[in-house]
Structure formats: C-alpha cells, structure tokens
Amino acid sequence: QVQLVESGGGLVQPGGSLRLSCAASGFTFSSYAMAWYRQAPGKERELVAGISVGGGRTNYADSVKGRFTISRDNAKNTMYLQMNSLKPEDTAVYYCNRWVDGLFLSWGQGTQVTVSS
C-alpha cells in the first residue's frame, strides 16, 4: 500500500540543474518528517536533506549546502529537491523516505542523476 515514487532525474552537465519529485501514497504524508537520500556506486546510502512535517525546518549534508533546496507540498503529498550547480560527485540514485533512521518505509526505485560532460 505504501508507495514512494521518485522522478525527475536525468543526465545533466556540470553546473546544470534538476528538480526531483517524490510522490507519496498509502500513508499520512503530512504526519511524517521526510528526507532525500542518495547512493553512488560502491558507496553507502547517505542523507542528502531532511524536512520537518510542516516544512518549517530543513537540514542539509555539508556537501550540498547552498546548492540544493528541499521542500514539500502536503496538499499534494509530494516532496521536492531542487538541485543547482550540479557536480559530478552528485551522481547517484536519489531516494525519498522518512527522516528517521531505522524506521524507513518500503523504498521506491529511486531516480538516477548523472552529472557528466
């Protein structure tokens, strides 16, 4: 029943921008703090950005501060990640889930972001 569907990824040149979307269903989205995660080849999954239930508080990994912006629209059960000034090291599969380690919902398929010239 729980579904998390990520979209918006693609191939982009360094310095470019992408906006990712996470469409949630099967649970009360507006009651969950949410986050974006990413996993690059050969590396562990890492937290990219988190957002509180109402969207008033956000947190970012040091590597993306000033470049990425997380937001949510509870009326649409959707979360977003605006990514600007993309770098090759941002290349990864991006996922959305709860912002609570150890209490994750079922993972979606993720969306591939590739930054390359």
PDB file of N, CA and C in Angstrom:
ATOM      1  N   GLN A   1       0.825  -1.212   0.000  1.00  0.00           N
ATOM      2  CA  GLN A   1       0.000   0.000   0.000  1.00  0.00           C
ATOM      3  C   GLN A   1       0.860   1.263   0.000  1.00  0.00           C
ATOM      4  N   VAL A   2       1.895   1.266   0.838  1.00  0.00           N
ATOM      5  CA  VAL A   2       2.786   2.419   0.883  1.00  0.00           C
ATOM      6  C   VAL A   2       3.584   2.489  -0.410  1.00  0.00           C
ATOM      7  N   GLN A   3       3.581   3.654  -1.020  1.00  0.00           N
ATOM      8  CA  GLN A   3       4.338   3.872  -2.240  1.00  0.00           C
ATOM      9  C   GLN A   3       5.095   5.187  -2.178  1.00  0.00           C
ATOM     10  N   LEU A   4       6.339   5.135  -2.598  1.00  0.00           N
ATOM     11  CA  LEU A   4       7.181   6.307  -2.758  1.00  0.00           C
ATOM     12  C   LEU A   4       7.741   6.250  -4.167  1.00  0.00           C
ATOM     13  N   VAL A   5       7.385   7.219  -4.980  1.00  0.00           N
ATOM     14  CA  VAL A   5       7.766   7.220  -6.385  1.00  0.00           C
ATOM     15  C   VAL A   5       8.590   8.460  -6.684  1.00  0.00           C
ATOM     16  N   GLU A   6       9.867   8.246  -6.962  1.00  0.00           N
ATOM     17  CA  GLU A   6      10.782   9.337  -7.274  1.00  0.00           C
ATOM     18  C   GLU A   6      10.823   9.570  -8.782  1.00  0.00           C
ATOM     19  N   SER A   7      10.974  10.821  -9.172  1.00  0.00           N
ATOM     20  CA  SER A   7      11.065  11.157 -10.584  1.00  0.00           C
ATOM     21  C   SER A   7      11.857  12.445 -10.759  1.00  0.00           C
ATOM     22  N   GLY A   8      12.217  12.744 -11.990  1.00  0.00           N
ATOM     23  CA  GLY A   8      12.883  13.994 -12.313  1.00  0.00           C
ATOM     24  C   GLY A   8      14.367  13.896 -12.581  1.00  0.00           C
ATOM     25  N   GLY A   9      14.945  12.726 -12.393  1.00  0.00           N
ATOM     26  CA  GLY A   9      16.364  12.562 -12.640  1.00  0.00           C
ATOM     27  C   GLY A   9      16.682  12.556 -14.123  1.00  0.00           C
ATOM     28  N   GLY A  10      17.973  12.520 -14.417  1.00  0.00           N
ATOM     29  CA  GLY A  10      18.410  12.506 -15.797  1.00  0.00           C
ATOM     30  C   GLY A  10      19.883  12.804 -15.914  1.00  0.00           C
ATOM     31  N   LEU A  11      20.326  13.000 -17.146  1.00  0.00           N
ATOM     32  CA  LEU A  11      21.716  13.336 -17.447  1.00  0.00           C
ATOM     33  C   LEU A  11      21.844  14.841 -17.597  1.00  0.00           C
ATOM     34  N   VAL A  12      22.776  15.429 -16.871  1.00  0.00           N
ATOM     35  CA  VAL A  12      22.968  16.869 -16.913  1.00  0.00           C
ATOM     36  C   VAL A  12      24.456  17.186 -16.864  1.00  0.00           C
ATOM     37  N   GLN A  13      24.847  18.292 -17.496  1.00  0.00           N
ATOM     38  CA  GLN A  13      26.244  18.716 -17.470  1.00  0.00           C
ATOM     39  C   GLN A  13      26.585  19.394 -16.144  1.00  0.00           C
ATOM     40  N   PRO A  14      27.857  19.376 -15.760  1.00  0.00           N
ATOM     41  CA  PRO A  14      28.260  20.093 -14.548  1.00  0.00           C
ATOM     42  C   PRO A  14      27.795  21.544 -14.595  1.00  0.00           C
ATOM     43  N   GLY A  15      27.279  22.026 -13.461  1.00  0.00           N
ATOM     44  CA  GLY A  15      26.744  23.370 -13.390  1.00  0.00           C
ATOM     45  C   GLY A  15      25.266  23.466 -13.699  1.00  0.00           C
ATOM     46  N   GLY A  16      24.679  22.388 -14.177  1.00  0.00           N
ATOM     47  CA  GLY A  16      23.277  22.372 -14.528  1.00  0.00           C
ATOM     48  C   GLY A  16      22.370  22.174 -13.325  1.00  0.00           C
ATOM     49  N   SER A  17      21.065  22.105 -13.595  1.00  0.00           N
ATOM     50  CA  SER A  17      20.064  21.983 -12.544  1.00  0.00           C
ATOM     51  C   SER A  17      19.051  20.895 -12.859  1.00  0.00           C
ATOM     52  N   LEU A  18      18.491  20.311 -11.813  1.00  0.00           N
ATOM     53  CA  LEU A  18      17.399  19.354 -11.913  1.00  0.00           C
ATOM     54  C   LEU A  18      16.475  19.553 -10.724  1.00  0.00           C
ATOM     55  N   ARG A  19      15.201  19.226 -10.896  1.00  0.00           N
ATOM     56  CA  ARG A  19      14.268  19.212  -9.781  1.00  0.00           C
ATOM     57  C   ARG A  19      13.658  17.822  -9.669  1.00  0.00           C
ATOM     58  N   LEU A  20      13.895  17.177  -8.538  1.00  0.00           N
ATOM     59  CA  LEU A  20      13.364  15.854  -8.276  1.00  0.00           C
ATOM     60  C   LEU A  20      12.040  15.951  -7.533  1.00  0.00           C
ATOM     61  N   SER A  21      11.157  14.987  -7.779  1.00  0.00           N
ATOM     62  CA  SER A  21       9.879  14.912  -7.083  1.00  0.00           C
ATOM     63  C   SER A  21       9.726  13.551  -6.428  1.00  0.00           C
ATOM     64  N   CYS A  22       9.049  13.524  -5.294  1.00  0.00           N
ATOM     65  CA  CYS A  22       8.724  12.298  -4.577  1.00  0.00           C
ATOM     66  C   CYS A  22       7.233  12.293  -4.319  1.00  0.00           C
ATOM     67  N   ALA A  23       6.517  11.414  -4.996  1.00  0.00           N
ATOM     68  CA  ALA A  23       5.072  11.289  -4.830  1.00  0.00           C
ATOM     69  C   ALA A  23       4.778  10.181  -3.842  1.00  0.00           C
ATOM     70  N   ALA A  24       4.087  10.510  -2.753  1.00  0.00           N
ATOM     71  CA  ALA A  24       3.817   9.567  -1.677  1.00  0.00           C
ATOM     72  C   ALA A  24       2.343   9.191  -1.631  1.00  0.00           C
ATOM     73  N   SER A  25       2.074   7.933  -1.272  1.00  0.00           N
ATOM     74  CA  SER A  25       0.705   7.472  -1.107  1.00  0.00           C
ATOM     75  C   SER A  25       0.676   6.294  -0.145  1.00  0.00           C
ATOM     76  N   GLY A  26      -0.502   6.002   0.414  1.00  0.00           N
ATOM     77  CA  GLY A  26      -0.665   4.859   1.298  1.00  0.00           C
ATOM     78  C   GLY A  26      -0.364   5.134   2.759  1.00  0.00           C
ATOM     79  N   PHE A  27      -0.069   6.364   3.107  1.00  0.00           N
ATOM     80  CA  PHE A  27       0.162   6.752   4.492  1.00  0.00           C
ATOM     81  C   PHE A  27      -0.110   8.235   4.633  1.00  0.00           C
ATOM     82  N   THR A  28      -0.164   8.698   5.874  1.00  0.00           N
ATOM     83  CA  THR A  28      -0.462  10.106   6.122  1.00  0.00           C
ATOM     84  C   THR A  28       0.818  10.920   5.970  1.00  0.00           C
ATOM     85  N   PHE A  29       1.068  11.345   4.758  1.00  0.00           N
ATOM     86  CA  PHE A  29       2.291  12.045   4.404  1.00  0.00           C
ATOM     87  C   PHE A  29       2.540  13.251   5.302  1.00  0.00           C
ATOM     88  N   SER A  30       1.482  13.993   5.602  1.00  0.00           N
ATOM     89  CA  SER A  30       1.619  15.229   6.366  1.00  0.00           C
ATOM     90  C   SER A  30       2.016  15.010   7.825  1.00  0.00           C
ATOM     91  N   SER A  31       2.056  13.751   8.287  1.00  0.00           N
ATOM     92  CA  SER A  31       2.455  13.436   9.655  1.00  0.00           C
ATOM     93  C   SER A  31       3.900  12.945   9.762  1.00  0.00           C
ATOM     94  N   TYR A  32       4.606  12.890   8.640  1.00  0.00           N
ATOM     95  CA  TYR A  32       5.954  12.334   8.612  1.00  0.00           C
ATOM     96  C   TYR A  32       6.992  13.381   8.236  1.00  0.00           C
ATOM     97  N   ALA A  33       8.035  13.489   9.053  1.00  0.00           N
ATOM     98  CA  ALA A  33       9.233  14.183   8.596  1.00  0.00           C
ATOM     99  C   ALA A  33       9.853  13.340   7.485  1.00  0.00           C
ATOM    100  N   MET A  34      10.297  13.978   6.427  1.00  0.00           N
ATOM    101  CA  MET A  34      10.776  13.267   5.250  1.00  0.00           C
ATOM    102  C   MET A  34      12.182  13.705   4.877  1.00  0.00           C
ATOM    103  N   ALA A  35      12.810  12.919   4.012  1.00  0.00           N
ATOM    104  CA  ALA A  35      14.179  13.213   3.621  1.00  0.00           C
ATOM    105  C   ALA A  35      14.492  12.653   2.244  1.00  0.00           C
ATOM    106  N   TRP A  36      15.508  13.225   1.625  1.00  0.00           N
ATOM    107  CA  TRP A  36      16.107  12.689   0.413  1.00  0.00           C
ATOM    108  C   TRP A  36      17.416  12.004   0.769  1.00  0.00           C
ATOM    109  N   TYR A  37      17.637  10.843   0.185  1.00  0.00           N
ATOM    110  CA  TYR A  37      18.865  10.081   0.336  1.00  0.00           C
ATOM    111  C   TYR A  37      19.446   9.814  -1.043  1.00  0.00           C
ATOM    112  N   ARG A  38      20.725   9.490  -1.093  1.00  0.00           N
ATOM    113  CA  ARG A  38      21.318   9.098  -2.359  1.00  0.00           C
ATOM    114  C   ARG A  38      22.359   8.012  -2.139  1.00  0.00           C
ATOM    115  N   GLN A  39      22.592   7.229  -3.179  1.00  0.00           N
ATOM    116  CA  GLN A  39      23.589   6.178  -3.130  1.00  0.00           C
ATOM    117  C   GLN A  39      24.353   6.152  -4.445  1.00  0.00           C
ATOM    118  N   ALA A  40      25.649   6.385  -4.357  1.00  0.00           N
ATOM    119  CA  ALA A  40      26.529   6.338  -5.511  1.00  0.00           C
ATOM    120  C   ALA A  40      27.127   4.945  -5.627  1.00  0.00           C
ATOM    121  N   PRO A  41      27.589   4.565  -6.821  1.00  0.00           N
ATOM    122  CA  PRO A  41      28.184   3.235  -6.998  1.00  0.00           C
ATOM    123  C   PRO A  41      29.325   2.989  -6.021  1.00  0.00           C
ATOM    124  N   GLY A  42      29.275   1.848  -5.330  1.00  0.00           N
ATOM    125  CA  GLY A  42      30.330   1.477  -4.405  1.00  0.00           C
ATOM    126  C   GLY A  42      30.317   2.210  -3.080  1.00  0.00           C
ATOM    127  N   LYS A  43      29.305   3.022  -2.832  1.00  0.00           N
ATOM    128  CA  LYS A  43      29.240   3.783  -1.593  1.00  0.00           C
ATOM    129  C   LYS A  43      27.961   3.484  -0.823  1.00  0.00           C
ATOM    130  N   GLU A  44      27.977   3.794   0.465  1.00  0.00           N
ATOM    131  CA  GLU A  44      26.802   3.626   1.308  1.00  0.00           C
ATOM    132  C   GLU A  44      25.776   4.707   1.016  1.00  0.00           C
ATOM    133  N   ARG A  45      24.509   4.400   1.292  1.00  0.00           N
ATOM    134  CA  ARG A  45      23.454   5.384   1.178  1.00  0.00           C
ATOM    135  C   ARG A  45      23.699   6.504   2.180  1.00  0.00           C
ATOM    136  N   GLU A  46      23.481   7.742   1.770  1.00  0.00           N
ATOM    137  CA  GLU A  46      23.704   8.870   2.649  1.00  0.00           C
ATOM    138  C   GLU A  46      22.515   9.823   2.636  1.00  0.00           C
ATOM    139  N   LEU A  47      22.326  10.498   3.751  1.00  0.00           N
ATOM    140  CA  LEU A  47      21.288  11.520   3.854  1.00  0.00           C
ATOM    141  C   LEU A  47      21.726  12.767   3.108  1.00  0.00           C
ATOM    142  N   VAL A  48      20.866  13.272   2.251  1.00  0.00           N
ATOM    143  CA  VAL A  48      21.140  14.485   1.492  1.00  0.00           C
ATOM    144  C   VAL A  48      20.491  15.695   2.139  1.00  0.00           C
ATOM    145  N   ALA A  49      19.205  15.582   2.455  1.00  0.00           N
ATOM    146  CA  ALA A  49      18.460  16.684   3.040  1.00  0.00           C
ATOM    147  C   ALA A  49      17.234  16.153   3.755  1.00  0.00           C
ATOM    148  N   GLY A  50      16.848  16.806   4.846  1.00  0.00           N
ATOM    149  CA  GLY A  50      15.660  16.437   5.592  1.00  0.00           C
ATOM    150  C   GLY A  50      14.744  17.626   5.764  1.00  0.00           C
ATOM    151  N   ILE A  51      13.454  17.347   5.980  1.00  0.00           N
ATOM    152  CA  ILE A  51      12.472  18.406   6.145  1.00  0.00           C
ATOM    153  C   ILE A  51      11.441  17.984   7.183  1.00  0.00           C
ATOM    154  N   SER A  52      11.064  18.910   8.054  1.00  0.00           N
ATOM    155  CA  SER A  52      10.108  18.636   9.111  1.00  0.00           C
ATOM    156  C   SER A  52       8.703  18.464   8.547  1.00  0.00           C
ATOM    157  N   VAL A  53       7.786  18.025   9.409  1.00  0.00           N
ATOM    158  CA  VAL A  53       6.420  17.728   8.996  1.00  0.00           C
ATOM    159  C   VAL A  53       5.767  18.897   8.258  1.00  0.00           C
ATOM    160  N   GLY A  54       5.894  20.082   8.813  1.00  0.00           N
ATOM    161  CA  GLY A  54       5.275  21.255   8.219  1.00  0.00           C
ATOM    162  C   GLY A  54       6.151  21.994   7.225  1.00  0.00           C
ATOM    163  N   GLY A  55       7.394  21.557   7.072  1.00  0.00           N
ATOM    164  CA  GLY A  55       8.302  22.190   6.133  1.00  0.00           C
ATOM    165  C   GLY A  55       9.065  23.377   6.691  1.00  0.00           C
ATOM    166  N   GLY A  56       8.875  23.677   7.965  1.00  0.00           N
ATOM    167  CA  GLY A  56       9.496  24.848   8.548  1.00  0.00           C
ATOM    168  C   GLY A  56      10.960  24.686   8.922  1.00  0.00           C
ATOM    169  N   ARG A  57      11.422  23.450   9.045  1.00  0.00           N
ATOM    170  CA  ARG A  57      12.808  23.188   9.405  1.00  0.00           C
ATOM    171  C   ARG A  57      13.412  22.245   8.383  1.00  0.00           C
ATOM    172  N   THR A  58      14.614  22.565   7.938  1.00  0.00           N
ATOM    173  CA  THR A  58      15.320  21.741   6.966  1.00  0.00           C
ATOM    174  C   THR A  58      16.756  21.538   7.403  1.00  0.00           C
ATOM    175  N   ASN A  59      17.373  20.497   6.877  1.00  0.00           N
ATOM    176  CA  ASN A  59      18.764  20.206   7.168  1.00  0.00           C
ATOM    177  C   ASN A  59      19.409  19.625   5.922  1.00  0.00           C
ATOM    178  N   TYR A  60      20.685  19.955   5.708  1.00  0.00           N
ATOM    179  CA  TYR A  60      21.386  19.527   4.507  1.00  0.00           C
ATOM    180  C   TYR A  60      22.748  18.944   4.831  1.00  0.00           C
ATOM    181  N   ALA A  61      23.147  17.957   4.047  1.00  0.00           N
ATOM    182  CA  ALA A  61      24.516  17.482   4.123  1.00  0.00           C
ATOM    183  C   ALA A  61      25.449  18.620   3.727  1.00  0.00           C
ATOM    184  N   ASP A  62      26.618  18.673   4.358  1.00  0.00           N
ATOM    185  CA  ASP A  62      27.568  19.743   4.065  1.00  0.00           C
ATOM    186  C   ASP A  62      27.909  19.814   2.572  1.00  0.00           C
ATOM    187  N   SER A  63      27.938  18.674   1.920  1.00  0.00           N
ATOM    188  CA  SER A  63      28.338  18.615   0.527  1.00  0.00           C
ATOM    189  C   SER A  63      27.350  19.284  -0.426  1.00  0.00           C
ATOM    190  N   VAL A  64      26.115  19.527   0.023  1.00  0.00           N
ATOM    191  CA  VAL A  64      25.104  20.109  -0.863  1.00  0.00           C
ATOM    192  C   VAL A  64      24.568  21.444  -0.373  1.00  0.00           C
ATOM    193  N   LYS A  65      24.996  21.900   0.789  1.00  0.00           N
ATOM    194  CA  LYS A  65      24.522  23.174   1.325  1.00  0.00           C
ATOM    195  C   LYS A  65      24.798  24.314   0.353  1.00  0.00           C
ATOM    196  N   GLY A  66      23.792  25.145   0.160  1.00  0.00           N
ATOM    197  CA  GLY A  66      23.913  26.273  -0.748  1.00  0.00           C
ATOM    198  C   GLY A  66      23.595  25.941  -2.183  1.00  0.00           C
ATOM    199  N   ARG A  67      23.474  24.656  -2.504  1.00  0.00           N
ATOM    200  CA  ARG A  67      23.187  24.238  -3.874  1.00  0.00           C
ATOM    201  C   ARG A  67      21.833  23.550  -4.014  1.00  0.00           C
ATOM    202  N   PHE A  68      21.428  22.794  -2.986  1.00  0.00           N
ATOM    203  CA  PHE A  68      20.174  22.039  -3.017  1.00  0.00           C
ATOM    204  C   PHE A  68      19.150  22.683  -2.084  1.00  0.00           C
ATOM    205  N   THR A  69      17.870  22.574  -2.446  1.00  0.00           N
ATOM    206  CA  THR A  69      16.783  23.056  -1.611  1.00  0.00           C
ATOM    207  C   THR A  69      15.687  21.997  -1.531  1.00  0.00           C
ATOM    208  N   ILE A  70      15.353  21.582  -0.315  1.00  0.00           N
ATOM    209  CA  ILE A  70      14.286  20.613  -0.102  1.00  0.00           C
ATOM    210  C   ILE A  70      12.997  21.357   0.247  1.00  0.00           C
ATOM    211  N   SER A  71      11.869  20.850  -0.241  1.00  0.00           N
ATOM    212  CA  SER A  71      10.578  21.449   0.061  1.00  0.00           C
ATOM    213  C   SER A  71       9.511  20.368   0.002  1.00  0.00           C
ATOM    214  N   ARG A  72       8.314  20.695   0.475  1.00  0.00           N
ATOM    215  CA  ARG A  72       7.211  19.739   0.418  1.00  0.00           C
ATOM    216  C   ARG A  72       5.891  20.465   0.255  1.00  0.00           C
ATOM    217  N   ASP A  73       4.928  19.781  -0.347  1.00  0.00           N
ATOM    218  CA  ASP A  73       3.579  20.278  -0.512  1.00  0.00           C
ATOM    219  C   ASP A  73       2.661  19.203   0.054  1.00  0.00           C
ATOM    220  N   ASN A  74       2.247  19.382   1.302  1.00  0.00           N
ATOM    221  CA  ASN A  74       1.439  18.354   1.959  1.00  0.00           C
ATOM    222  C   ASN A  74       0.074  18.166   1.300  1.00  0.00           C
ATOM    223  N   ALA A  75      -0.461  19.202   0.693  1.00  0.00           N
ATOM    224  CA  ALA A  75      -1.739  19.086  -0.002  1.00  0.00           C
ATOM    225  C   ALA A  75      -1.643  18.164  -1.202  1.00  0.00           C
ATOM    226  N   LYS A  76      -0.438  18.050  -1.769  1.00  0.00           N
ATOM    227  CA  LYS A  76      -0.208  17.187  -2.927  1.00  0.00           C
ATOM    228  C   LYS A  76       0.507  15.894  -2.572  1.00  0.00           C
ATOM    229  N   ASN A  77       0.806  15.681  -1.289  1.00  0.00           N
ATOM    230  CA  ASN A  77       1.566  14.504  -0.850  1.00  0.00           C
ATOM    231  C   ASN A  77       2.848  14.347  -1.657  1.00  0.00           C
ATOM    232  N   THR A  78       3.545  15.448  -1.836  1.00  0.00           N
ATOM    233  CA  THR A  78       4.726  15.462  -2.686  1.00  0.00           C
ATOM    234  C   THR A  78       5.860  16.228  -2.027  1.00  0.00           C
ATOM    235  N   MET A  79       7.076  15.719  -2.193  1.00  0.00           N
ATOM    236  CA  MET A  79       8.281  16.374  -1.729  1.00  0.00           C
ATOM    237  C   MET A  79       9.181  16.636  -2.930  1.00  0.00           C
ATOM    238  N   TYR A  80       9.990  17.691  -2.837  1.00  0.00           N
ATOM    239  CA  TYR A  80      10.831  18.096  -3.947  1.00  0.00           C
ATOM    240  C   TYR A  80      12.275  18.294  -3.500  1.00  0.00           C
ATOM    241  N   LEU A  81      13.180  18.198  -4.457  1.00  0.00           N
ATOM    242  CA  LEU A  81      14.572  18.548  -4.233  1.00  0.00           C
ATOM    243  C   LEU A  81      15.058  19.331  -5.440  1.00  0.00           C
ATOM    244  N   GLN A  82      15.253  20.626  -5.261  1.00  0.00           N
ATOM    245  CA  GLN A  82      15.807  21.471  -6.307  1.00  0.00           C
ATOM    246  C   GLN A  82      17.325  21.404  -6.210  1.00  0.00           C
ATOM    247  N   MET A  83      17.975  20.987  -7.279  1.00  0.00           N
ATOM    248  CA  MET A  83      19.415  20.804  -7.300  1.00  0.00           C
ATOM    249  C   MET A  83      20.022  21.751  -8.325  1.00  0.00           C
ATOM    250  N   ASN A  84      20.852  22.664  -7.854  1.00  0.00           N
ATOM    251  CA  ASN A  84      21.531  23.624  -8.716  1.00  0.00           C
ATOM    252  C   ASN A  84      23.040  23.430  -8.635  1.00  0.00           C
ATOM    253  N   SER A  85      23.744  23.990  -9.599  1.00  0.00           N
ATOM    254  CA  SER A  85      25.211  23.919  -9.627  1.00  0.00           C
ATOM    255  C   SER A  85      25.701  22.497  -9.434  1.00  0.00           C
ATOM    256  N   LEU A  86      25.126  21.587 -10.175  1.00  0.00           N
ATOM    257  CA  LEU A  86      25.428  20.171 -10.004  1.00  0.00           C
ATOM    258  C   LEU A  86      26.877  19.849 -10.350  1.00  0.00           C
ATOM    259  N   LYS A  87      27.429  18.915  -9.595  1.00  0.00           N
ATOM    260  CA  LYS A  87      28.805  18.469  -9.748  1.00  0.00           C
ATOM    261  C   LYS A  87      28.836  16.982 -10.073  1.00  0.00           C
ATOM    262  N   PRO A  88      29.908  16.505 -10.700  1.00  0.00           N
ATOM    263  CA  PRO A  88      29.998  15.068 -10.992  1.00  0.00           C
ATOM    264  C   PRO A  88      29.830  14.198  -9.743  1.00  0.00           C
ATOM    265  N   GLU A  89      30.291  14.663  -8.594  1.00  0.00           N
ATOM    266  CA  GLU A  89      30.162  13.893  -7.368  1.00  0.00           C
ATOM    267  C   GLU A  89      28.729  13.796  -6.848  1.00  0.00           C
ATOM    268  N   ASP A  90      27.795  14.520  -7.465  1.00  0.00           N
ATOM    269  CA  ASP A  90      26.383  14.381  -7.134  1.00  0.00           C
ATOM    270  C   ASP A  90      25.748  13.186  -7.840  1.00  0.00           C
ATOM    271  N   THR A  91      26.480  12.560  -8.741  1.00  0.00           N
ATOM    272  CA  THR A  91      25.963  11.414  -9.473  1.00  0.00           C
ATOM    273  C   THR A  91      25.604  10.288  -8.514  1.00  0.00           C
ATOM    274  N   ALA A  92      24.348   9.839  -8.564  1.00  0.00           N
ATOM    275  CA  ALA A  92      23.857   8.810  -7.650  1.00  0.00           C
ATOM    276  C   ALA A  92      22.408   8.504  -7.988  1.00  0.00           C
ATOM    277  N   VAL A  93      21.883   7.457  -7.355  1.00  0.00           N
ATOM    278  CA  VAL A  93      20.452   7.208  -7.373  1.00  0.00           C
ATOM    279  C   VAL A  93      19.858   7.904  -6.154  1.00  0.00           C
ATOM    280  N   TYR A  94      18.850   8.719  -6.368  1.00  0.00           N
ATOM    281  CA  TYR A  94      18.234   9.501  -5.305  1.00  0.00           C
ATOM    282  C   TYR A  94      16.908   8.871  -4.883  1.00  0.00           C
ATOM    283  N   TYR A  95      16.726   8.733  -3.567  1.00  0.00           N
ATOM    284  CA  TYR A  95      15.540   8.129  -2.987  1.00  0.00           C
ATOM    285  C   TYR A  95      14.903   9.075  -1.975  1.00  0.00           C
ATOM    286  N   CYS A  96      13.615   8.895  -1.732  1.00  0.00           N
ATOM    287  CA  CYS A  96      12.951   9.600  -0.640  1.00  0.00           C
ATOM    288  C   CYS A  96      12.444   8.591   0.380  1.00  0.00           C
ATOM    289  N   ASN A  97      12.345   9.017   1.639  1.00  0.00           N
ATOM    290  CA  ASN A  97      11.850   8.161   2.710  1.00  0.00           C
ATOM    291  C   ASN A  97      11.656   8.997   3.973  1.00  0.00           C
ATOM    292  N   ARG A  98      11.257   8.351   5.061  1.00  0.00           N
ATOM    293  CA  ARG A  98      11.137   9.029   6.351  1.00  0.00           C
ATOM    294  C   ARG A  98      12.482   9.533   6.809  1.00  0.00           C
ATOM    295  N   TRP A  99      12.460  10.622   7.560  1.00  0.00           N
ATOM    296  CA  TRP A  99      13.676  11.174   8.132  1.00  0.00           C
ATOM    297  C   TRP A  99      13.872  10.599   9.542  1.00  0.00           C
ATOM    298  N   VAL A 100      13.879   9.277   9.630  1.00  0.00           N
ATOM    299  CA  VAL A 100      14.069   8.561  10.888  1.00  0.00           C
ATOM    300  C   VAL A 100      14.841   7.286  10.588  1.00  0.00           C
ATOM    301  N   ASP A 101      16.120   7.270  10.908  1.00  0.00           N
ATOM    302  CA  ASP A 101      16.957   6.112  10.637  1.00  0.00           C
ATOM    303  C   ASP A 101      16.436   4.894  11.389  1.00  0.00           C
ATOM    304  N   GLY A 102      16.280   3.768  10.673  1.00  0.00           N
ATOM    305  CA  GLY A 102      15.797   2.539  11.277  1.00  0.00           C
ATOM    306  C   GLY A 102      14.300   2.356  11.202  1.00  0.00           C
ATOM    307  N   LEU A 103      13.585   3.377  10.786  1.00  0.00           N
ATOM    308  CA  LEU A 103      12.128   3.309  10.669  1.00  0.00           C
ATOM    309  C   LEU A 103      11.682   3.669   9.253  1.00  0.00           C
ATOM    310  N   PHE A 104      12.428   3.207   8.277  1.00  0.00           N
ATOM    311  CA  PHE A 104      12.135   3.531   6.888  1.00  0.00           C
ATOM    312  C   PHE A 104      10.898   2.805   6.397  1.00  0.00           C
ATOM    313  N   LEU A 105      10.181   3.452   5.515  1.00  0.00           N
ATOM    314  CA  LEU A 105       9.124   2.824   4.752  1.00  0.00           C
ATOM    315  C   LEU A 105       9.766   2.015   3.625  1.00  0.00           C
ATOM    316  N   SER A 106       8.946   1.249   2.904  1.00  0.00           N
ATOM    317  CA  SER A 106       9.465   0.497   1.768  1.00  0.00           C
ATOM    318  C   SER A 106      10.074   1.463   0.754  1.00  0.00           C
ATOM    319  N   TRP A 107      11.289   1.156   0.322  1.00  0.00           N
ATOM    320  CA  TRP A 107      12.000   2.027  -0.614  1.00  0.00           C
ATOM    321  C   TRP A 107      11.409   1.949  -2.014  1.00  0.00           C
ATOM    322  N   GLY A 108      11.380   3.084  -2.682  1.00  0.00           N
ATOM    323  CA  GLY A 108      10.991   3.114  -4.075  1.00  0.00           C
ATOM    324  C   GLY A 108      12.154   2.728  -4.961  1.00  0.00           C
ATOM    325  N   GLN A 109      11.986   2.891  -6.267  1.00  0.00           N
ATOM    326  CA  GLN A 109      13.035   2.532  -7.218  1.00  0.00           C
ATOM    327  C   GLN A 109      14.126   3.590  -7.319  1.00  0.00           C
ATOM    328  N   GLY A 110      13.839   4.790  -6.840  1.00  0.00           N
ATOM    329  CA  GLY A 110      14.793   5.872  -6.935  1.00  0.00           C
ATOM    330  C   GLY A 110      14.816   6.473  -8.330  1.00  0.00           C
ATOM    331  N   THR A 111      15.521   7.583  -8.461  1.00  0.00           N
ATOM    332  CA  THR A 111      15.687   8.214  -9.760  1.00  0.00           C
ATOM    333  C   THR A 111      17.161   8.527  -9.968  1.00  0.00           C
ATOM    334  N   GLN A 112      17.677   8.165 -11.127  1.00  0.00           N
ATOM    335  CA  GLN A 112      19.100   8.296 -11.420  1.00  0.00           C
ATOM    336  C   GLN A 112      19.448   9.725 -11.817  1.00  0.00           C
ATOM    337  N   VAL A 113      20.451  10.275 -11.158  1.00  0.00           N
ATOM    338  CA  VAL A 113      21.009  11.572 -11.519  1.00  0.00           C
ATOM    339  C   VAL A 113      22.447  11.352 -11.956  1.00  0.00           C
ATOM    340  N   THR A 114      22.754  11.736 -13.176  1.00  0.00           N
ATOM    341  CA  THR A 114      24.108  11.607 -13.697  1.00  0.00           C
ATOM    342  C   THR A 114      24.604  12.973 -14.138  1.00  0.00           C
ATOM    343  N   VAL A 115      25.710  13.407 -13.552  1.00  0.00           N
ATOM    344  CA  VAL A 115      26.306  14.703 -13.865  1.00  0.00           C
ATOM    345  C   VAL A 115      27.626  14.444 -14.567  1.00  0.00           C
ATOM    346  N   SER A 116      27.672  14.738 -15.846  1.00  0.00           N
ATOM    347  CA  SER A 116      28.848  14.425 -16.645  1.00  0.00           C
ATOM    348  C   SER A 116      28.900  15.318 -17.871  1.00  0.00           C
ATOM    349  N   SER A 117      30.115  15.624 -18.308  1.00  0.00           N
ATOM    350  CA  SER A 117      30.322  16.377 -19.521  1.00  0.00           C
ATOM    351  C   SER A 117      30.663  15.467 -20.691  1.00  0.00           C
TER     352      SER A 117
END
